[in-house]
Amino acid sequence: QAQLVESGGGLVQAGGSLRLSCVASGRTFSRFVVAWFRQAPGKEREFVAAISWSGGNTPYADSVKGRFTISRDNAKNTVYLQMNSLKPEDTALYYCAARTTTISVLSWQYNFWGQGTQVTVSS
């Protein structure tokens, strides 16, 4: 079992930066694959980035590649999403999710979810 809590969202101007955090409870956090998804109003939830338990595998959606960086600190049970050069189209509710097997870009394959943190980018 894992409980996930996101933080770090907010309102930022285009071109700005934010760092999201996802803190997990549970002793086996280091064994979890963790991903970030986002959902804008009226749109489906979409994959943003994921990180393997070791941090060695970090796939990104094409729309954020080169601007966002996912990382993790297993000692702190925390996964981060550093978001730079933000655009208005990045506006969404951002969720972190976890699963105990391999990395997936499919939201339905993740067992554990946080409540989300809102990111709003103004033009």
PDB file of N, CA and C in Angstrom:
ATOM      1  N   GLN A   1       0.831  -1.190   0.000  1.00  0.00           N
ATOM      2  CA  GLN A   1       0.000   0.000   0.000  1.00  0.00           C
ATOM      3  C   GLN A   1       0.868   1.243   0.000  1.00  0.00           C
ATOM      4  N   ALA A   2       0.368   2.303  -0.588  1.00  0.00           N
ATOM      5  CA  ALA A   2       1.087   3.572  -0.597  1.00  0.00           C
ATOM      6  C   ALA A   2       0.072   4.689  -0.643  1.00  0.00           C
ATOM      7  N   GLN A   3       0.364   5.736   0.094  1.00  0.00           N
ATOM      8  CA  GLN A   3      -0.439   6.947   0.029  1.00  0.00           C
ATOM      9  C   GLN A   3       0.451   8.046  -0.514  1.00  0.00           C
ATOM     10  N   LEU A   4      -0.058   8.788  -1.477  1.00  0.00           N
ATOM     11  CA  LEU A   4       0.729   9.801  -2.173  1.00  0.00           C
ATOM     12  C   LEU A   4       0.122  11.182  -1.940  1.00  0.00           C
ATOM     13  N   VAL A   5       0.982  12.158  -1.685  1.00  0.00           N
ATOM     14  CA  VAL A   5       0.523  13.527  -1.475  1.00  0.00           C
ATOM     15  C   VAL A   5       1.378  14.452  -2.333  1.00  0.00           C
ATOM     16  N   GLU A   6       0.720  15.167  -3.254  1.00  0.00           N
ATOM     17  CA  GLU A   6       1.426  16.116  -4.118  1.00  0.00           C
ATOM     18  C   GLU A   6       1.401  17.510  -3.510  1.00  0.00           C
ATOM     19  N   SER A   7       2.394  18.294  -3.863  1.00  0.00           N
ATOM     20  CA  SER A   7       2.436  19.702  -3.480  1.00  0.00           C
ATOM     21  C   SER A   7       3.308  20.447  -4.484  1.00  0.00           C
ATOM     22  N   GLY A   8       3.271  21.777  -4.393  1.00  0.00           N
ATOM     23  CA  GLY A   8       4.148  22.590  -5.225  1.00  0.00           C
ATOM     24  C   GLY A   8       3.469  23.284  -6.387  1.00  0.00           C
ATOM     25  N   GLY A   9       2.204  23.000  -6.597  1.00  0.00           N
ATOM     26  CA  GLY A   9       1.503  23.670  -7.682  1.00  0.00           C
ATOM     27  C   GLY A   9       1.258  25.133  -7.367  1.00  0.00           C
ATOM     28  N   GLY A  10       0.778  25.861  -8.363  1.00  0.00           N
ATOM     29  CA  GLY A  10       0.499  27.271  -8.162  1.00  0.00           C
ATOM     30  C   GLY A  10       0.280  27.986  -9.474  1.00  0.00           C
ATOM     31  N   LEU A  11       0.258  29.307  -9.386  1.00  0.00           N
ATOM     32  CA  LEU A  11       0.070  30.165 -10.553  1.00  0.00           C
ATOM     33  C   LEU A  11       1.419  30.751 -10.934  1.00  0.00           C
ATOM     34  N   VAL A  12       1.773  30.636 -12.206  1.00  0.00           N
ATOM     35  CA  VAL A  12       3.058  31.138 -12.678  1.00  0.00           C
ATOM     36  C   VAL A  12       2.878  31.714 -14.080  1.00  0.00           C
ATOM     37  N   GLN A  13       3.690  32.670 -14.423  1.00  0.00           N
ATOM     38  CA  GLN A  13       3.642  33.242 -15.762  1.00  0.00           C
ATOM     39  C   GLN A  13       4.347  32.333 -16.761  1.00  0.00           C
ATOM     40  N   ALA A  14       3.956  32.444 -18.000  1.00  0.00           N
ATOM     41  CA  ALA A  14       4.615  31.673 -19.059  1.00  0.00           C
ATOM     42  C   ALA A  14       6.112  31.946 -19.033  1.00  0.00           C
ATOM     43  N   GLY A  15       6.883  30.880 -19.184  1.00  0.00           N
ATOM     44  CA  GLY A  15       8.326  30.978 -19.110  1.00  0.00           C
ATOM     45  C   GLY A  15       8.889  30.714 -17.730  1.00  0.00           C
ATOM     46  N   GLY A  16       8.019  30.675 -16.749  1.00  0.00           N
ATOM     47  CA  GLY A  16       8.453  30.448 -15.378  1.00  0.00           C
ATOM     48  C   GLY A  16       8.660  28.985 -15.046  1.00  0.00           C
ATOM     49  N   SER A  17       8.944  28.735 -13.774  1.00  0.00           N
ATOM     50  CA  SER A  17       9.251  27.385 -13.311  1.00  0.00           C
ATOM     51  C   SER A  17       8.479  27.051 -12.042  1.00  0.00           C
ATOM     52  N   LEU A  18       8.234  25.768 -11.873  1.00  0.00           N
ATOM     53  CA  LEU A  18       7.666  25.232 -10.635  1.00  0.00           C
ATOM     54  C   LEU A  18       8.307  23.877 -10.381  1.00  0.00           C
ATOM     55  N   ARG A  19       8.364  23.490  -9.121  1.00  0.00           N
ATOM     56  CA  ARG A  19       8.804  22.133  -8.783  1.00  0.00           C
ATOM     57  C   ARG A  19       7.705  21.457  -7.973  1.00  0.00           C
ATOM     58  N   LEU A  20       7.188  20.382  -8.513  1.00  0.00           N
ATOM     59  CA  LEU A  20       6.184  19.589  -7.821  1.00  0.00           C
ATOM     60  C   LEU A  20       6.867  18.497  -7.012  1.00  0.00           C
ATOM     61  N   SER A  21       6.258  18.169  -5.876  1.00  0.00           N
ATOM     62  CA  SER A  21       6.747  17.078  -5.038  1.00  0.00           C
ATOM     63  C   SER A  21       5.637  16.072  -4.823  1.00  0.00           C
ATOM     64  N   CYS A  22       6.029  14.826  -4.730  1.00  0.00           N
ATOM     65  CA  CYS A  22       5.096  13.734  -4.431  1.00  0.00           C
ATOM     66  C   CYS A  22       5.720  12.940  -3.293  1.00  0.00           C
ATOM     67  N   VAL A  23       5.127  13.044  -2.121  1.00  0.00           N
ATOM     68  CA  VAL A  23       5.637  12.341  -0.948  1.00  0.00           C
ATOM     69  C   VAL A  23       4.790  11.103  -0.715  1.00  0.00           C
ATOM     70  N   ALA A  24       5.455   9.982  -0.519  1.00  0.00           N
ATOM     71  CA  ALA A  24       4.750   8.715  -0.359  1.00  0.00           C
ATOM     72  C   ALA A  24       4.964   8.151   1.032  1.00  0.00           C
ATOM     73  N   SER A  25       3.945   7.528   1.532  1.00  0.00           N
ATOM     74  CA  SER A  25       4.072   6.758   2.768  1.00  0.00           C
ATOM     75  C   SER A  25       4.317   5.306   2.411  1.00  0.00           C
ATOM     76  N   GLY A  26       4.834   4.554   3.345  1.00  0.00           N
ATOM     77  CA  GLY A  26       5.071   3.141   3.067  1.00  0.00           C
ATOM     78  C   GLY A  26       6.548   2.828   3.033  1.00  0.00           C
ATOM     79  N   ARG A  27       6.891   1.688   3.548  1.00  0.00           N
ATOM     80  CA  ARG A  27       8.302   1.323   3.690  1.00  0.00           C
ATOM     81  C   ARG A  27       8.937   0.875   2.390  1.00  0.00           C
ATOM     82  N   THR A  28       8.125   0.521   1.395  1.00  0.00           N
ATOM     83  CA  THR A  28       8.679  -0.026   0.158  1.00  0.00           C
ATOM     84  C   THR A  28       8.659   0.971  -0.982  1.00  0.00           C
ATOM     85  N   PHE A  29       8.671   2.246  -0.656  1.00  0.00           N
ATOM     86  CA  PHE A  29       8.597   3.269  -1.691  1.00  0.00           C
ATOM     87  C   PHE A  29       9.703   3.105  -2.720  1.00  0.00           C
ATOM     88  N   SER A  30      10.867   2.709  -2.295  1.00  0.00           N
ATOM     89  CA  SER A  30      11.992   2.598  -3.213  1.00  0.00           C
ATOM     90  C   SER A  30      11.749   1.547  -4.289  1.00  0.00           C
ATOM     91  N   ARG A  31      10.788   0.650  -4.074  1.00  0.00           N
ATOM     92  CA  ARG A  31      10.472  -0.383  -5.057  1.00  0.00           C
ATOM     93  C   ARG A  31       9.406   0.074  -6.064  1.00  0.00           C
ATOM     94  N   PHE A  32       8.836   1.253  -5.861  1.00  0.00           N
ATOM     95  CA  PHE A  32       7.749   1.719  -6.704  1.00  0.00           C
ATOM     96  C   PHE A  32       8.253   2.461  -7.937  1.00  0.00           C
ATOM     97  N   VAL A  33       7.596   2.199  -9.053  1.00  0.00           N
ATOM     98  CA  VAL A  33       7.675   3.091 -10.206  1.00  0.00           C
ATOM     99  C   VAL A  33       6.703   4.236  -9.943  1.00  0.00           C
ATOM    100  N   VAL A  34       7.128   5.456 -10.193  1.00  0.00           N
ATOM    101  CA  VAL A  34       6.276   6.627  -9.957  1.00  0.00           C
ATOM    102  C   VAL A  34       6.164   7.429 -11.243  1.00  0.00           C
ATOM    103  N   ALA A  35       4.975   7.914 -11.496  1.00  0.00           N
ATOM    104  CA  ALA A  35       4.733   8.706 -12.699  1.00  0.00           C
ATOM    105  C   ALA A  35       3.944   9.955 -12.360  1.00  0.00           C
ATOM    106  N   TRP A  36       4.074  10.935 -13.224  1.00  0.00           N
ATOM    107  CA  TRP A  36       3.243  12.135 -13.165  1.00  0.00           C
ATOM    108  C   TRP A  36       2.294  12.105 -14.371  1.00  0.00           C
ATOM    109  N   PHE A  37       1.032  12.386 -14.091  1.00  0.00           N
ATOM    110  CA  PHE A  37       0.028  12.566 -15.121  1.00  0.00           C
ATOM    111  C   PHE A  37      -0.590  13.943 -14.922  1.00  0.00           C
ATOM    112  N   ARG A  38      -1.274  14.428 -15.937  1.00  0.00           N
ATOM    113  CA  ARG A  38      -1.987  15.695 -15.792  1.00  0.00           C
ATOM    114  C   ARG A  38      -3.306  15.636 -16.534  1.00  0.00           C
ATOM    115  N   GLN A  39      -4.233  16.448 -16.062  1.00  0.00           N
ATOM    116  CA  GLN A  39      -5.541  16.495 -16.696  1.00  0.00           C
ATOM    117  C   GLN A  39      -6.039  17.928 -16.716  1.00  0.00           C
ATOM    118  N   ALA A  40      -6.257  18.442 -17.913  1.00  0.00           N
ATOM    119  CA  ALA A  40      -6.814  19.773 -18.095  1.00  0.00           C
ATOM    120  C   ALA A  40      -8.324  19.659 -18.214  1.00  0.00           C
ATOM    121  N   PRO A  41      -9.045  20.735 -17.916  1.00  0.00           N
ATOM    122  CA  PRO A  41     -10.515  20.693 -18.000  1.00  0.00           C
ATOM    123  C   PRO A  41     -10.984  20.268 -19.390  1.00  0.00           C
ATOM    124  N   GLY A  42     -11.879  19.297 -19.407  1.00  0.00           N
ATOM    125  CA  GLY A  42     -12.430  18.845 -20.669  1.00  0.00           C
ATOM    126  C   GLY A  42     -11.534  17.917 -21.461  1.00  0.00           C
ATOM    127  N   LYS A  43     -10.393  17.556 -20.900  1.00  0.00           N
ATOM    128  CA  LYS A  43      -9.456  16.684 -21.615  1.00  0.00           C
ATOM    129  C   LYS A  43      -9.207  15.421 -20.813  1.00  0.00           C
ATOM    130  N   GLU A  44      -8.698  14.407 -21.504  1.00  0.00           N
ATOM    131  CA  GLU A  44      -8.356  13.169 -20.830  1.00  0.00           C
ATOM    132  C   GLU A  44      -7.045  13.319 -20.058  1.00  0.00           C
ATOM    133  N   ARG A  45      -6.911  12.469 -19.059  1.00  0.00           N
ATOM    134  CA  ARG A  45      -5.666  12.453 -18.295  1.00  0.00           C
ATOM    135  C   ARG A  45      -4.531  11.974 -19.201  1.00  0.00           C
ATOM    136  N   GLU A  46      -3.395  12.650 -19.140  1.00  0.00           N
ATOM    137  CA  GLU A  46      -2.284  12.289 -20.025  1.00  0.00           C
ATOM    138  C   GLU A  46      -0.998  12.087 -19.241  1.00  0.00           C
ATOM    139  N   PHE A  47      -0.183  11.220 -19.763  1.00  0.00           N
ATOM    140  CA  PHE A  47       1.122  10.920 -19.179  1.00  0.00           C
ATOM    141  C   PHE A  47       2.060  12.099 -19.349  1.00  0.00           C
ATOM    142  N   VAL A  48       2.834  12.381 -18.304  1.00  0.00           N
ATOM    143  CA  VAL A  48       3.831  13.450 -18.359  1.00  0.00           C
ATOM    144  C   VAL A  48       5.250  12.875 -18.279  1.00  0.00           C
ATOM    145  N   ALA A  49       5.518  12.106 -17.227  1.00  0.00           N
ATOM    146  CA  ALA A  49       6.860  11.544 -17.023  1.00  0.00           C
ATOM    147  C   ALA A  49       6.767  10.421 -16.009  1.00  0.00           C
ATOM    148  N   ALA A  50       7.774   9.564 -16.020  1.00  0.00           N
ATOM    149  CA  ALA A  50       7.832   8.474 -15.051  1.00  0.00           C
ATOM    150  C   ALA A  50       9.275   8.212 -14.674  1.00  0.00           C
ATOM    151  N   ILE A  51       9.466   7.525 -13.559  1.00  0.00           N
ATOM    152  CA  ILE A  51      10.809   7.218 -13.101  1.00  0.00           C
ATOM    153  C   ILE A  51      10.825   5.830 -12.491  1.00  0.00           C
ATOM    154  N   SER A  52      11.830   5.063 -12.855  1.00  0.00           N
ATOM    155  CA  SER A  52      11.978   3.722 -12.297  1.00  0.00           C
ATOM    156  C   SER A  52      12.448   3.793 -10.855  1.00  0.00           C
ATOM    157  N   TRP A  53      12.451   2.659 -10.176  1.00  0.00           N
ATOM    158  CA  TRP A  53      12.818   2.655  -8.764  1.00  0.00           C
ATOM    159  C   TRP A  53      14.249   3.124  -8.558  1.00  0.00           C
ATOM    160  N   SER A  54      15.120   2.836  -9.527  1.00  0.00           N
ATOM    161  CA  SER A  54      16.526   3.233  -9.400  1.00  0.00           C
ATOM    162  C   SER A  54      16.781   4.640  -9.909  1.00  0.00           C
ATOM    163  N   GLY A  55      15.812   5.187 -10.651  1.00  0.00           N
ATOM    164  CA  GLY A  55      16.015   6.490 -11.263  1.00  0.00           C
ATOM    165  C   GLY A  55      16.717   6.422 -12.605  1.00  0.00           C
ATOM    166  N   GLY A  56      17.035   5.217 -13.046  1.00  0.00           N
ATOM    167  CA  GLY A  56      17.786   5.084 -14.271  1.00  0.00           C
ATOM    168  C   GLY A  56      16.967   5.143 -15.543  1.00  0.00           C
ATOM    169  N   ASN A  57      15.676   5.031 -15.428  1.00  0.00           N
ATOM    170  CA  ASN A  57      14.785   5.073 -16.591  1.00  0.00           C
ATOM    171  C   ASN A  57      13.754   6.166 -16.364  1.00  0.00           C
ATOM    172  N   THR A  58      13.770   7.168 -17.246  1.00  0.00           N
ATOM    173  CA  THR A  58      12.886   8.319 -17.065  1.00  0.00           C
ATOM    174  C   THR A  58      12.280   8.740 -18.397  1.00  0.00           C
ATOM    175  N   PRO A  59      11.229   8.086 -18.834  1.00  0.00           N
ATOM    176  CA  PRO A  59      10.572   8.512 -20.073  1.00  0.00           C
ATOM    177  C   PRO A  59       9.730   9.770 -19.862  1.00  0.00           C
ATOM    178  N   TYR A  60       9.596  10.549 -20.929  1.00  0.00           N
ATOM    179  CA  TYR A  60       8.823  11.792 -20.890  1.00  0.00           C
ATOM    180  C   TYR A  60       7.859  11.840 -22.075  1.00  0.00           C
ATOM    181  N   ALA A  61       6.771  12.546 -21.873  1.00  0.00           N
ATOM    182  CA  ALA A  61       5.908  12.863 -23.003  1.00  0.00           C
ATOM    183  C   ALA A  61       6.642  13.830 -23.916  1.00  0.00           C
ATOM    184  N   ASP A  62       6.388  13.734 -25.215  1.00  0.00           N
ATOM    185  CA  ASP A  62       7.070  14.628 -26.166  1.00  0.00           C
ATOM    186  C   ASP A  62       6.803  16.094 -25.857  1.00  0.00           C
ATOM    187  N   SER A  63       5.622  16.375 -25.349  1.00  0.00           N
ATOM    188  CA  SER A  63       5.233  17.762 -25.108  1.00  0.00           C
ATOM    189  C   SER A  63       6.033  18.429 -23.986  1.00  0.00           C
ATOM    190  N   VAL A  64       6.689  17.635 -23.134  1.00  0.00           N
ATOM    191  CA  VAL A  64       7.432  18.216 -22.010  1.00  0.00           C
ATOM    192  C   VAL A  64       8.924  17.918 -22.078  1.00  0.00           C
ATOM    193  N   LYS A  65       9.322  17.105 -23.033  1.00  0.00           N
ATOM    194  CA  LYS A  65      10.727  16.705 -23.130  1.00  0.00           C
ATOM    195  C   LYS A  65      11.612  17.927 -23.302  1.00  0.00           C
ATOM    196  N   GLY A  66      12.677  17.977 -22.508  1.00  0.00           N
ATOM    197  CA  GLY A  66      13.597  19.098 -22.567  1.00  0.00           C
ATOM    198  C   GLY A  66      13.212  20.250 -21.654  1.00  0.00           C
ATOM    199  N   ARG A  67      12.005  20.233 -21.126  1.00  0.00           N
ATOM    200  CA  ARG A  67      11.538  21.300 -20.218  1.00  0.00           C
ATOM    201  C   ARG A  67      11.304  20.782 -18.807  1.00  0.00           C
ATOM    202  N   PHE A  68      10.850  19.544 -18.691  1.00  0.00           N
ATOM    203  CA  PHE A  68      10.539  18.948 -17.383  1.00  0.00           C
ATOM    204  C   PHE A  68      11.588  17.898 -17.045  1.00  0.00           C
ATOM    205  N   THR A  69      11.861  17.773 -15.758  1.00  0.00           N
ATOM    206  CA  THR A  69      12.794  16.748 -15.278  1.00  0.00           C
ATOM    207  C   THR A  69      12.189  16.055 -14.070  1.00  0.00           C
ATOM    208  N   ILE A  70      12.124  14.736 -14.127  1.00  0.00           N
ATOM    209  CA  ILE A  70      11.638  13.944 -12.999  1.00  0.00           C
ATOM    210  C   ILE A  70      12.835  13.361 -12.264  1.00  0.00           C
ATOM    211  N   SER A  71      12.746  13.340 -10.941  1.00  0.00           N
ATOM    212  CA  SER A  71      13.818  12.775 -10.128  1.00  0.00           C
ATOM    213  C   SER A  71      13.209  12.217  -8.850  1.00  0.00           C
ATOM    214  N   ARG A  72      13.998  11.459  -8.112  1.00  0.00           N
ATOM    215  CA  ARG A  72      13.481  10.897  -6.872  1.00  0.00           C
ATOM    216  C   ARG A  72      14.575  10.851  -5.827  1.00  0.00           C
ATOM    217  N   ASP A  73      14.133  10.910  -4.560  1.00  0.00           N
ATOM    218  CA  ASP A  73      15.009  10.756  -3.409  1.00  0.00           C
ATOM    219  C   ASP A  73      14.368   9.682  -2.542  1.00  0.00           C
ATOM    220  N   ASN A  74      14.841   8.478  -2.682  1.00  0.00           N
ATOM    221  CA  ASN A  74      14.210   7.362  -1.966  1.00  0.00           C
ATOM    222  C   ASN A  74      14.371   7.490  -0.454  1.00  0.00           C
ATOM    223  N   ALA A  75      15.420   8.154  -0.015  1.00  0.00           N
ATOM    224  CA  ALA A  75      15.600   8.351   1.428  1.00  0.00           C
ATOM    225  C   ALA A  75      14.519   9.245   2.009  1.00  0.00           C
ATOM    226  N   LYS A  76      13.954  10.103   1.160  1.00  0.00           N
ATOM    227  CA  LYS A  76      12.895  11.013   1.595  1.00  0.00           C
ATOM    228  C   LYS A  76      11.520  10.578   1.097  1.00  0.00           C
ATOM    229  N   ASN A  77      11.458   9.415   0.462  1.00  0.00           N
ATOM    230  CA  ASN A  77      10.178   8.922  -0.077  1.00  0.00           C
ATOM    231  C   ASN A  77       9.512   9.965  -0.972  1.00  0.00           C
ATOM    232  N   THR A  78      10.302  10.637  -1.785  1.00  0.00           N
ATOM    233  CA  THR A  78       9.789  11.771  -2.564  1.00  0.00           C
ATOM    234  C   THR A  78      10.229  11.683  -4.017  1.00  0.00           C
ATOM    235  N   VAL A  79       9.290  11.995  -4.894  1.00  0.00           N
ATOM    236  CA  VAL A  79       9.570  12.161  -6.319  1.00  0.00           C
ATOM    237  C   VAL A  79       9.269  13.606  -6.686  1.00  0.00           C
ATOM    238  N   TYR A  80      10.126  14.178  -7.508  1.00  0.00           N
ATOM    239  CA  TYR A  80       9.996  15.581  -7.898  1.00  0.00           C
ATOM    240  C   TYR A  80       9.721  15.693  -9.402  1.00  0.00           C
ATOM    241  N   LEU A  81       9.059  16.768  -9.765  1.00  0.00           N
ATOM    242  CA  LEU A  81       8.908  17.124 -11.170  1.00  0.00           C
ATOM    243  C   LEU A  81       9.296  18.593 -11.297  1.00  0.00           C
ATOM    244  N   GLN A  82      10.487  18.824 -11.822  1.00  0.00           N
ATOM    245  CA  GLN A  82      10.947  20.188 -12.076  1.00  0.00           C
ATOM    246  C   GLN A  82      10.424  20.626 -13.425  1.00  0.00           C
ATOM    247  N   MET A  83       9.660  21.694 -13.446  1.00  0.00           N
ATOM    248  CA  MET A  83       9.013  22.162 -14.676  1.00  0.00           C
ATOM    249  C   MET A  83       9.567  23.546 -15.017  1.00  0.00           C
ATOM    250  N   ASN A  84      10.260  23.641 -16.119  1.00  0.00           N
ATOM    251  CA  ASN A  84      10.841  24.903 -16.591  1.00  0.00           C
ATOM    252  C   ASN A  84      10.185  25.324 -17.900  1.00  0.00           C
ATOM    253  N   SER A  85      10.369  26.582 -18.253  1.00  0.00           N
ATOM    254  CA  SER A  85       9.826  27.112 -19.513  1.00  0.00           C
ATOM    255  C   SER A  85       8.356  26.760 -19.669  1.00  0.00           C
ATOM    256  N   LEU A  86       7.604  27.002 -18.619  1.00  0.00           N
ATOM    257  CA  LEU A  86       6.196  26.616 -18.622  1.00  0.00           C
ATOM    258  C   LEU A  86       5.404  27.398 -19.663  1.00  0.00           C
ATOM    259  N   LYS A  87       4.411  26.721 -20.223  1.00  0.00           N
ATOM    260  CA  LYS A  87       3.549  27.290 -21.252  1.00  0.00           C
ATOM    261  C   LYS A  87       2.100  27.250 -20.768  1.00  0.00           C
ATOM    262  N   PRO A  88       1.260  28.100 -21.301  1.00  0.00           N
ATOM    263  CA  PRO A  88      -0.159  28.047 -20.891  1.00  0.00           C
ATOM    264  C   PRO A  88      -0.786  26.669 -21.100  1.00  0.00           C
ATOM    265  N   GLU A  89      -0.341  25.956 -22.105  1.00  0.00           N
ATOM    266  CA  GLU A  89      -0.907  24.622 -22.353  1.00  0.00           C
ATOM    267  C   GLU A  89      -0.464  23.586 -21.326  1.00  0.00           C
ATOM    268  N   ASP A  90       0.428  23.957 -20.419  1.00  0.00           N
ATOM    269  CA  ASP A  90       0.803  23.075 -19.311  1.00  0.00           C
ATOM    270  C   ASP A  90      -0.189  23.178 -18.150  1.00  0.00           C
ATOM    271  N   THR A  91      -1.125  24.107 -18.248  1.00  0.00           N
ATOM    272  CA  THR A  91      -2.123  24.281 -17.198  1.00  0.00           C
ATOM    273  C   THR A  91      -2.960  23.016 -17.046  1.00  0.00           C
ATOM    274  N   ALA A  92      -2.998  22.471 -15.832  1.00  0.00           N
ATOM    275  CA  ALA A  92      -3.714  21.221 -15.570  1.00  0.00           C
ATOM    276  C   ALA A  92      -3.621  20.885 -14.092  1.00  0.00           C
ATOM    277  N   LEU A  93      -4.382  19.887 -13.713  1.00  0.00           N
ATOM    278  CA  LEU A  93      -4.242  19.273 -12.403  1.00  0.00           C
ATOM    279  C   LEU A  93      -3.224  18.149 -12.554  1.00  0.00           C
ATOM    280  N   TYR A  94      -2.171  18.208 -11.779  1.00  0.00           N
ATOM    281  CA  TYR A  94      -1.074  17.241 -11.896  1.00  0.00           C
ATOM    282  C   TYR A  94      -1.185  16.209 -10.784  1.00  0.00           C
ATOM    283  N   TYR A  95      -1.135  14.943 -11.179  1.00  0.00           N
ATOM    284  CA  TYR A  95      -1.235  13.828 -10.248  1.00  0.00           C
ATOM    285  C   TYR A  95       0.054  13.014 -10.261  1.00  0.00           C
ATOM    286  N   CYS A  96       0.449  12.516  -9.115  1.00  0.00           N
ATOM    287  CA  CYS A  96       1.465  11.469  -9.118  1.00  0.00           C
ATOM    288  C   CYS A  96       0.781  10.131  -8.866  1.00  0.00           C
ATOM    289  N   ALA A  97       1.383   9.098  -9.410  1.00  0.00           N
ATOM    290  CA  ALA A  97       0.817   7.754  -9.329  1.00  0.00           C
ATOM    291  C   ALA A  97       1.958   6.757  -9.169  1.00  0.00           C
ATOM    292  N   ALA A  98       1.656   5.623  -8.573  1.00  0.00           N
ATOM    293  CA  ALA A  98       2.700   4.631  -8.321  1.00  0.00           C
ATOM    294  C   ALA A  98       2.199   3.230  -8.632  1.00  0.00           C
ATOM    295  N   ARG A  99       3.149   2.397  -9.011  1.00  0.00           N
ATOM    296  CA  ARG A  99       2.871   0.975  -9.198  1.00  0.00           C
ATOM    297  C   ARG A  99       4.129   0.205  -8.877  1.00  0.00           C
ATOM    298  N   THR A 100       3.975  -1.095  -8.633  1.00  0.00           N
ATOM    299  CA  THR A 100       5.101  -1.864  -8.120  1.00  0.00           C
ATOM    300  C   THR A 100       5.838  -2.646  -9.186  1.00  0.00           C
ATOM    301  N   THR A 101       5.420  -2.539 -10.445  1.00  0.00           N
ATOM    302  CA  THR A 101       6.096  -3.323 -11.481  1.00  0.00           C
ATOM    303  C   THR A 101       6.845  -2.398 -12.434  1.00  0.00           C
ATOM    304  N   THR A 102       6.672  -2.577 -13.716  1.00  0.00           N
ATOM    305  CA  THR A 102       7.474  -1.826 -14.672  1.00  0.00           C
ATOM    306  C   THR A 102       6.848  -0.471 -15.000  1.00  0.00           C
ATOM    307  N   ILE A 103       7.643   0.387 -15.601  1.00  0.00           N
ATOM    308  CA  ILE A 103       7.144   1.693 -16.029  1.00  0.00           C
ATOM    309  C   ILE A 103       6.053   1.520 -17.083  1.00  0.00           C
ATOM    310  N   SER A 104       5.028   2.352 -16.952  1.00  0.00           N
ATOM    311  CA  SER A 104       3.960   2.381 -17.941  1.00  0.00           C
ATOM    312  C   SER A 104       3.535   3.829 -18.168  1.00  0.00           C
ATOM    313  N   VAL A 105       3.074   4.102 -19.371  1.00  0.00           N
ATOM    314  CA  VAL A 105       2.539   5.428 -19.680  1.00  0.00           C
ATOM    315  C   VAL A 105       1.010   5.429 -19.605  1.00  0.00           C
ATOM    316  N   LEU A 106       0.436   4.299 -19.224  1.00  0.00           N
ATOM    317  CA  LEU A 106      -1.012   4.142 -19.173  1.00  0.00           C
ATOM    318  C   LEU A 106      -1.515   4.365 -17.759  1.00  0.00           C
ATOM    319  N   SER A 107      -2.393   5.328 -17.580  1.00  0.00           N
ATOM    320  CA  SER A 107      -2.847   5.689 -16.243  1.00  0.00           C
ATOM    321  C   SER A 107      -3.567   4.542 -15.539  1.00  0.00           C
ATOM    322  N   TRP A 108      -4.297   3.727 -16.318  1.00  0.00           N
ATOM    323  CA  TRP A 108      -5.105   2.678 -15.680  1.00  0.00           C
ATOM    324  C   TRP A 108      -4.235   1.582 -15.083  1.00  0.00           C
ATOM    325  N   GLN A 109      -2.954   1.556 -15.409  1.00  0.00           N
ATOM    326  CA  GLN A 109      -2.072   0.536 -14.857  1.00  0.00           C
ATOM    327  C   GLN A 109      -1.445   0.934 -13.525  1.00  0.00           C
ATOM    328  N   TYR A 110      -1.752   2.118 -13.051  1.00  0.00           N
ATOM    329  CA  TYR A 110      -1.204   2.574 -11.766  1.00  0.00           C
ATOM    330  C   TYR A 110      -2.223   2.341 -10.660  1.00  0.00           C
ATOM    331  N   ASN A 111      -1.731   1.798  -9.549  1.00  0.00           N
ATOM    332  CA  ASN A 111      -2.604   1.387  -8.462  1.00  0.00           C
ATOM    333  C   ASN A 111      -2.878   2.484  -7.445  1.00  0.00           C
ATOM    334  N   PHE A 112      -1.895   3.364  -7.277  1.00  0.00           N
ATOM    335  CA  PHE A 112      -1.972   4.356  -6.199  1.00  0.00           C
ATOM    336  C   PHE A 112      -1.877   5.755  -6.792  1.00  0.00           C
ATOM    337  N   TRP A 113      -2.742   6.622  -6.263  1.00  0.00           N
ATOM    338  CA  TRP A 113      -2.834   7.992  -6.795  1.00  0.00           C
ATOM    339  C   TRP A 113      -2.901   9.000  -5.668  1.00  0.00           C
ATOM    340  N   GLY A 114      -2.332  10.183  -5.936  1.00  0.00           N
ATOM    341  CA  GLY A 114      -2.505  11.309  -5.045  1.00  0.00           C
ATOM    342  C   GLY A 114      -3.755  12.079  -5.413  1.00  0.00           C
ATOM    343  N   GLN A 115      -3.978  13.165  -4.679  1.00  0.00           N
ATOM    344  CA  GLN A 115      -5.203  13.953  -4.887  1.00  0.00           C
ATOM    345  C   GLN A 115      -5.028  15.028  -5.959  1.00  0.00           C
ATOM    346  N   GLY A 116      -3.785  15.285  -6.353  1.00  0.00           N
ATOM    347  CA  GLY A 116      -3.513  16.257  -7.400  1.00  0.00           C
ATOM    348  C   GLY A 116      -3.129  17.622  -6.857  1.00  0.00           C
ATOM    349  N   THR A 117      -2.358  18.351  -7.659  1.00  0.00           N
ATOM    350  CA  THR A 117      -1.990  19.725  -7.342  1.00  0.00           C
ATOM    351  C   THR A 117      -2.155  20.554  -8.612  1.00  0.00           C
ATOM    352  N   GLN A 118      -2.786  21.714  -8.466  1.00  0.00           N
ATOM    353  CA  GLN A 118      -3.135  22.526  -9.639  1.00  0.00           C
ATOM    354  C   GLN A 118      -1.951  23.370 -10.091  1.00  0.00           C
ATOM    355  N   VAL A 119      -1.690  23.327 -11.379  1.00  0.00           N
ATOM    356  CA  VAL A 119      -0.689  24.194 -12.009  1.00  0.00           C
ATOM    357  C   VAL A 119      -1.412  25.069 -13.025  1.00  0.00           C
ATOM    358  N   THR A 120      -1.262  26.367 -12.888  1.00  0.00           N
ATOM    359  CA  THR A 120      -1.879  27.310 -13.812  1.00  0.00           C
ATOM    360  C   THR A 120      -0.804  28.229 -14.368  1.00  0.00           C
ATOM    361  N   VAL A 121      -0.692  28.271 -15.685  1.00  0.00           N
ATOM    362  CA  VAL A 121       0.318  29.090 -16.352  1.00  0.00           C
ATOM    363  C   VAL A 121      -0.408  30.182 -17.130  1.00  0.00           C
ATOM    364  N   SER A 122      -0.128  31.417 -16.773  1.00  0.00           N
ATOM    365  CA  SER A 122      -0.767  32.550 -17.444  1.00  0.00           C
ATOM    366  C   SER A 122       0.095  33.040 -18.599  1.00  0.00           C
ATOM    367  N   SER A 123      -0.571  33.539 -19.620  1.00  0.00           N
ATOM    368  CA  SER A 123       0.160  34.023 -20.809  1.00  0.00           C
ATOM    369  C   SER A 123       0.533  35.484 -20.685  1.00  0.00           C
TER     370      SER A 123
END
